[in-house]
Protein backbone atom coordinates (compact mmCIF):
# COMPACT_ATOMS: atom_id res chain seq x y z
CA MET A 1 0.06 -0.23 0.09
CA LYS A 2 2.70 2.24 0.81
CA TYR A 3 4.42 1.88 -2.94
CA LEU A 4 0.59 2.72 -3.92
CA PHE A 5 0.35 5.66 -1.94
CA TYR A 6 4.16 6.91 -3.10
CA THR A 7 2.63 6.10 -7.00
CA LEU A 8 -0.16 7.90 -6.25
CA ILE A 9 1.15 11.00 -4.70
CA ILE A 10 3.62 11.32 -7.53
CA LEU A 11 0.20 11.29 -9.99
CA PHE A 12 -1.31 14.06 -7.57
CA LEU A 13 2.12 16.12 -8.09
CA SER A 14 1.87 15.90 -11.50
CA SER A 15 -1.73 16.52 -12.49
CA CYS A 16 -2.86 18.15 -9.24
CA PHE A 17 -6.20 16.70 -8.41
CA LYS A 18 -7.51 14.50 -4.88
CA MET A 19 -6.81 11.08 -4.88
CA ASP A 20 -9.88 10.33 -2.52
CA GLU A 21 -10.95 7.67 -5.49
CA LEU A 22 -7.58 5.87 -6.04
CA PRO A 23 -7.63 3.57 -3.46
CA PHE A 24 -10.87 2.50 -4.43
CA LEU A 25 -9.99 -0.19 -7.24
CA GLY A 26 -12.63 -2.73 -7.14
CA GLU A 27 -13.43 -4.50 -10.42
CA LYS A 28 -16.84 -4.56 -12.48
CA ILE A 29 -18.03 -7.97 -13.46
CA SER A 30 -21.29 -9.38 -15.60
CA GLU A 31 -21.96 -12.17 -12.96
CA TYR A 32 -20.51 -13.95 -9.87
CA GLN A 33 -19.13 -17.34 -10.40
CA PHE A 34 -17.66 -18.72 -7.16
CA GLU A 35 -16.94 -22.37 -7.39
CA ASN A 36 -16.61 -22.06 -11.36
CA TYR A 37 -14.22 -18.33 -11.46
CA GLN A 38 -11.17 -19.12 -13.02
CA GLY A 39 -9.59 -15.88 -12.65
CA GLU A 40 -6.79 -14.44 -10.70
CA LYS A 41 -7.03 -15.30 -6.61
CA ASP A 42 -4.59 -15.34 -3.92
CA ILE A 43 -4.99 -19.29 -3.20
CA THR A 44 -6.86 -22.11 -3.92
CA LEU A 45 -8.24 -24.93 -1.91
CA PRO A 46 -8.60 -28.77 -2.46
CA ALA A 47 -11.81 -30.03 -3.23
CA SER A 48 -12.26 -31.18 -0.27
CA TYR A 49 -13.58 -27.57 0.67
CA LYS A 50 -15.98 -27.39 -1.84
CA ILE A 51 -19.49 -25.23 -1.10
CA ALA A 52 -22.63 -27.22 -1.66
CA ASP A 53 -24.78 -25.09 -3.68
CA SER A 54 -27.40 -25.27 -1.65
CA ASN A 55 -25.13 -23.35 0.94
CA ILE A 56 -24.46 -20.28 -1.21
CA HIS A 57 -27.18 -17.44 -1.39
CA LEU A 58 -26.21 -14.54 -3.31
CA MET A 59 -28.48 -11.30 -2.26
CA THR A 60 -29.07 -7.83 -2.66
CA LEU A 61 -28.83 -5.36 0.02
CA LYS A 62 -30.05 -1.72 -0.04
CA SER A 63 -27.04 0.69 0.90
CA LYS A 64 -28.43 4.37 2.15
CA LEU A 65 -26.14 6.99 3.78
CA PRO A 66 -28.77 9.61 5.76
CA ASP A 67 -28.57 12.16 2.85
CA GLU A 68 -29.03 9.76 -0.03
CA THR A 69 -32.24 10.10 -1.77
CA SER A 70 -32.42 6.45 -2.81
CA GLY A 71 -28.95 4.62 -1.89
CA GLU A 72 -26.91 1.88 -3.96
CA THR A 73 -27.23 -2.08 -4.35
CA ILE A 74 -24.68 -4.11 -2.46
CA TYR A 75 -24.18 -7.59 -3.13
CA ALA A 76 -23.24 -10.08 -0.50
CA VAL A 77 -23.26 -13.87 -0.23
CA TYR A 78 -23.98 -15.88 3.01
CA ILE A 79 -22.37 -19.16 2.81
CA GLY A 80 -24.26 -21.51 5.36
CA ASN A 81 -27.86 -23.08 6.16
CA ILE A 82 -30.05 -19.69 6.19
CA ASN A 83 -33.10 -22.15 8.33
CA THR A 84 -30.31 -22.59 11.40
CA ILE A 85 -28.21 -18.67 11.12
CA SER A 86 -29.68 -17.62 13.91
CA SER A 87 -28.10 -19.99 16.23
CA ASP A 88 -24.96 -20.62 14.09
CA THR A 89 -21.45 -18.82 14.39
CA VAL A 90 -21.38 -16.11 11.35
CA ILE A 91 -18.02 -15.00 10.35
CA VAL A 92 -18.37 -11.38 8.15
CA TYR A 93 -15.63 -11.10 5.72
CA CYS A 94 -14.48 -7.85 4.21
CA HIS A 95 -12.12 -8.16 1.65
CA GLY A 96 -9.37 -6.16 0.57
CA GLN A 97 -8.87 -3.40 -2.04
CA SER A 98 -9.19 -5.00 -5.34
CA LYS A 99 -11.26 -7.39 -7.51
CA HIS A 100 -14.81 -8.54 -6.21
CA MET A 101 -16.11 -11.63 -4.17
CA ASP A 102 -15.40 -14.06 -6.87
CA ALA A 103 -11.38 -13.44 -6.65
CA TYR A 104 -11.79 -14.17 -2.25
CA TRP A 105 -14.48 -16.66 -2.69
CA GLN A 106 -11.65 -19.08 -1.94
CA ARG A 107 -10.74 -17.25 1.33
CA ALA A 108 -14.50 -17.25 2.66
CA LYS A 109 -14.66 -21.32 1.54
CA LEU A 110 -11.71 -21.43 4.11
CA LEU A 111 -13.51 -19.49 6.36
CA ALA A 112 -16.79 -21.52 6.30
CA ASN A 113 -14.61 -24.75 6.84
CA THR A 114 -12.73 -23.85 9.68
CA GLY A 115 -12.78 -26.05 12.41
CA SER A 116 -14.84 -28.68 10.61
CA LYS A 117 -16.89 -28.78 7.46
CA ASN A 118 -19.30 -26.48 6.99
CA ARG A 119 -18.50 -24.98 11.10
CA TYR A 120 -19.60 -21.46 10.74
CA GLY A 121 -21.81 -18.78 8.30
CA VAL A 122 -19.82 -16.56 6.46
CA LEU A 123 -21.21 -13.55 4.88
CA MET A 124 -19.27 -11.49 2.34
CA MET A 125 -19.92 -8.24 0.21
CA ASP A 126 -19.10 -6.65 -2.47
CA TYR A 127 -18.67 -2.76 -1.61
CA ARG A 128 -19.93 -0.05 -4.13
CA GLY A 129 -18.59 -0.03 -7.56
CA TYR A 130 -16.84 -3.61 -6.54
CA GLY A 131 -18.35 -6.48 -8.42
CA LEU A 132 -22.00 -6.22 -9.54
CA SER A 133 -22.44 -3.48 -6.43
CA THR A 134 -23.61 -0.29 -7.57
CA GLY A 135 -22.19 3.39 -7.30
CA LYS A 136 -18.80 4.51 -6.13
CA SER A 137 -16.85 3.62 -3.01
CA THR A 138 -15.59 6.29 -0.68
CA GLU A 139 -14.80 6.07 3.12
CA GLU A 140 -18.18 6.79 4.21
CA THR A 141 -19.99 4.26 2.22
CA LEU A 142 -17.52 1.78 3.00
CA TYR A 143 -18.37 1.74 6.44
CA GLN A 144 -22.56 1.61 5.71
CA ASP A 145 -22.25 -0.86 3.11
CA VAL A 146 -20.82 -3.12 5.86
CA LYS A 147 -23.60 -1.82 8.39
CA SER A 148 -25.95 -2.71 5.67
CA CYS A 149 -24.38 -6.43 6.04
CA LEU A 150 -24.60 -6.38 10.34
CA ASP A 151 -28.28 -4.68 9.94
CA TRP A 152 -29.23 -8.26 7.41
CA LEU A 153 -27.43 -10.15 10.13
CA ASP A 154 -29.80 -8.75 12.99
CA SER A 155 -32.99 -8.66 10.88
CA LYS A 156 -32.23 -13.06 10.67
CA ASN A 157 -32.11 -12.72 14.79
CA VAL A 158 -27.95 -13.34 14.67
CA PRO A 159 -26.96 -12.48 18.19
CA SER A 160 -24.31 -10.35 18.91
CA SER A 161 -22.29 -13.02 20.45
CA ASN A 162 -22.41 -15.28 17.47
CA VAL A 163 -20.58 -12.55 14.80
CA ILE A 164 -16.97 -12.39 14.53
CA MET A 165 -15.66 -9.51 12.14
CA TYR A 166 -12.63 -10.15 9.92
CA GLY A 167 -11.04 -7.53 8.06
CA PHE A 168 -8.25 -8.12 5.27
CA SER A 169 -6.64 -5.35 3.99
CA LEU A 170 -9.00 -2.45 2.57
CA GLY A 171 -11.19 -4.72 4.77
CA THR A 172 -9.99 -3.76 8.34
CA ILE A 173 -11.10 -0.27 7.57
CA PRO A 174 -15.02 -1.03 8.01
CA ALA A 175 -14.35 -3.87 10.36
CA ILE A 176 -12.46 -1.74 12.72
CA ASP A 177 -14.86 1.19 12.53
CA LEU A 178 -17.99 -1.10 13.23
CA SER A 179 -16.27 -3.15 15.72
CA ALA A 180 -15.96 0.17 17.73
CA PHE A 181 -18.64 1.94 17.48
CA TYR A 182 -21.46 0.38 15.59
CA ASN A 183 -24.07 -1.19 18.07
CA ILE A 184 -26.56 -3.31 15.60
CA ALA A 185 -25.18 -7.32 15.45
CA LYS A 186 -22.17 -6.15 16.99
CA PRO A 187 -19.10 -8.11 16.70
CA ASN A 188 -17.92 -10.45 19.59
CA LYS A 189 -14.39 -10.74 18.13
CA LEU A 190 -12.45 -9.31 15.59
CA ILE A 191 -9.53 -10.66 12.97
CA LEU A 192 -7.26 -8.42 11.37
CA GLU A 193 -5.38 -9.62 8.64
CA ALA A 194 -2.74 -7.01 7.28
CA PRO A 195 -4.17 -3.82 8.56
CA MET A 196 -3.27 -0.52 7.30
CA ALA A 197 -2.42 2.05 10.40
CA SER A 198 -3.92 5.41 8.68
CA VAL A 199 -3.72 7.50 5.78
CA GLU A 200 -1.43 9.86 7.37
CA ASN A 201 1.04 6.73 8.25
CA LEU A 202 1.11 5.86 4.54
CA THR A 203 2.17 9.29 3.49
CA GLU A 204 4.78 9.32 6.21
CA GLU A 205 6.24 6.06 4.99
CA ALA A 206 6.02 7.00 1.29
CA LEU A 207 7.52 10.42 1.60
CA LEU A 208 10.07 9.99 4.45
CA ILE A 209 9.24 13.43 5.38
CA ASP A 210 6.46 15.17 7.70
CA VAL A 211 3.69 16.29 5.28
CA SER A 212 0.21 16.48 6.17
CA SER A 213 -1.97 14.01 4.07
CA THR A 214 -4.36 16.18 3.76
CA PHE A 215 -2.38 18.07 1.20
CA PHE A 216 -3.39 14.91 -1.07
CA THR A 217 -6.64 13.40 0.18
CA SER A 218 -9.32 13.95 2.61
CA LEU A 219 -9.61 10.31 3.40
CA LYS A 220 -8.30 9.18 6.75
CA PHE A 221 -8.43 5.62 7.61
CA ASP A 222 -7.48 6.05 10.88
CA ASN A 223 -7.61 2.77 12.34
CA VAL A 224 -4.62 3.56 14.81
CA GLU A 225 -6.94 5.47 16.80
CA LYS A 226 -10.29 3.86 16.26
CA ILE A 227 -8.51 0.23 17.77
CA LYS A 228 -8.58 2.09 21.00
CA SER A 229 -12.25 1.80 20.85
CA VAL A 230 -12.27 -1.50 20.45
CA SER A 231 -12.72 -3.46 23.43
CA GLN A 232 -13.52 -6.98 21.72
CA PRO A 233 -10.58 -9.66 21.97
CA LEU A 234 -8.16 -9.32 18.66
CA LEU A 235 -6.64 -11.79 16.61
CA TRP A 236 -4.12 -9.91 14.37
CA ILE A 237 -2.10 -11.62 11.47
CA HIS A 238 0.71 -9.93 9.40
CA GLY A 239 3.44 -11.12 6.99
CA ILE A 240 6.70 -10.30 7.88
CA ASP A 241 7.46 -9.42 4.32
CA ASP A 242 4.17 -8.07 3.53
CA ASP A 243 5.56 -5.03 0.52
CA TYR A 244 2.00 -3.72 0.29
CA LEU A 245 0.97 -2.72 4.02
CA SER A 246 4.58 -2.98 6.08
CA ILE A 247 4.24 -5.00 9.08
CA SER A 248 4.56 -1.78 11.07
CA ASN A 249 1.03 -0.77 9.95
CA GLY A 250 -0.15 -4.04 12.13
CA GLU A 251 2.36 -3.35 14.92
CA LEU A 252 0.85 0.00 15.69
CA ILE A 253 -2.87 -1.28 15.62
CA TYR A 254 -1.77 -4.15 18.12
CA GLU A 255 -0.13 -2.06 20.76
CA ARG A 256 -3.27 0.16 20.64
CA HIS A 257 -5.60 -1.99 21.08
CA ASN A 258 -6.73 -2.09 24.92
CA GLY A 259 -8.93 -5.02 25.11
CA THR A 260 -9.87 -7.84 27.15
CA TYR A 261 -7.53 -9.92 25.05
CA LYS A 262 -5.24 -9.82 21.91
CA GLU A 263 -2.68 -12.01 20.02
CA PRO A 264 -0.12 -11.40 17.44
CA HIS A 265 0.90 -13.79 14.63
CA ARG A 266 3.73 -12.24 12.70
CA ILE A 267 4.23 -14.72 9.68
CA VAL A 268 7.80 -15.35 8.64
CA GLY A 269 8.01 -15.19 5.16
CA GLY A 270 4.27 -14.00 4.49
CA ASN A 271 3.16 -11.33 2.30
CA HIS A 272 0.23 -9.48 1.56
CA GLY A 273 -2.65 -12.07 0.83
CA ASP A 274 -0.83 -15.31 1.01
CA LEU A 275 -0.69 -15.68 4.68
CA PRO A 276 -3.11 -18.83 4.54
CA LEU A 277 -0.88 -20.52 1.62
CA ILE A 278 2.60 -19.83 3.50
CA MET A 279 0.95 -20.87 7.14
CA GLY A 280 -0.46 -23.85 5.75
CA PHE A 281 -4.33 -24.00 5.45
CA THR A 282 -5.12 -26.47 8.75
CA ASN A 283 -2.62 -24.48 10.38
CA TYR A 284 -4.04 -21.18 9.73
CA SER A 285 -7.56 -22.93 10.14
CA ASN A 286 -6.79 -24.11 13.76
CA LYS A 287 -5.21 -20.82 14.75
CA LEU A 288 -8.77 -19.00 14.07
CA PHE A 289 -10.81 -21.77 15.36
CA GLN A 290 -8.78 -21.73 18.42
CA PHE A 291 -9.25 -17.69 18.93
CA ILE A 292 -12.94 -17.75 18.02
CA THR A 293 -13.71 -20.71 20.38
CA ARG A 294 -11.74 -19.52 23.35
């Protein structure tokens, strides 16, 4: 991410525009393929992780900010048995900056099969401008889109005690914010993989000089401040060799979490997006399972 911001800052200096839209690089598609998706993805699971069609529920949700007339349509997918959702543990997965739910389908399957086959429900969404979701993402809409998913869980009578929030990369931004400040289906535990500290921190890392990020963007993404308001147990995973969001970002987040429990996993040889592969699928799943059930 720091290299992305370095590039974006150069573009800004050469063209004199703010880069608020550039971090949201979602890819549009014509349809979701899930199990049949053959495009780029971080990991590929063995056939034993396959999800039965009866447990794949593609849906649309309305995401509307208070000042919007009609809002936008958000596409989401629930993996699990809808008939038992009110008593199941549900992992809300907030994916990364690029692509769409098809590209993260392998990740969602891995979470659904954590602990044992089809053990957990998984709710994943495409933010505005990603996949088939309409509109354009901003920092404000990012929070609202994930709120809409938490509201959907609440409408299905899923208790807060059964909700686990998982944020990866860009997805750590709404994951931290909603864990700290939103009370509808408020997550019971928080998992962060390769979190960003803040736009201010990225600007400092990219330029190596003390220049305010407000010169380039109105974005905040102030995870490092918001994590102080997260009281839920935290599991943090970060690759030591992450060249997209350096581990120093995660260290700042972890240090400032003041909740009841936290555990770090610094993965030797891990880069950005490959941690389940580097850790090994079984080991990765076991770490998550132990945290969720502790």
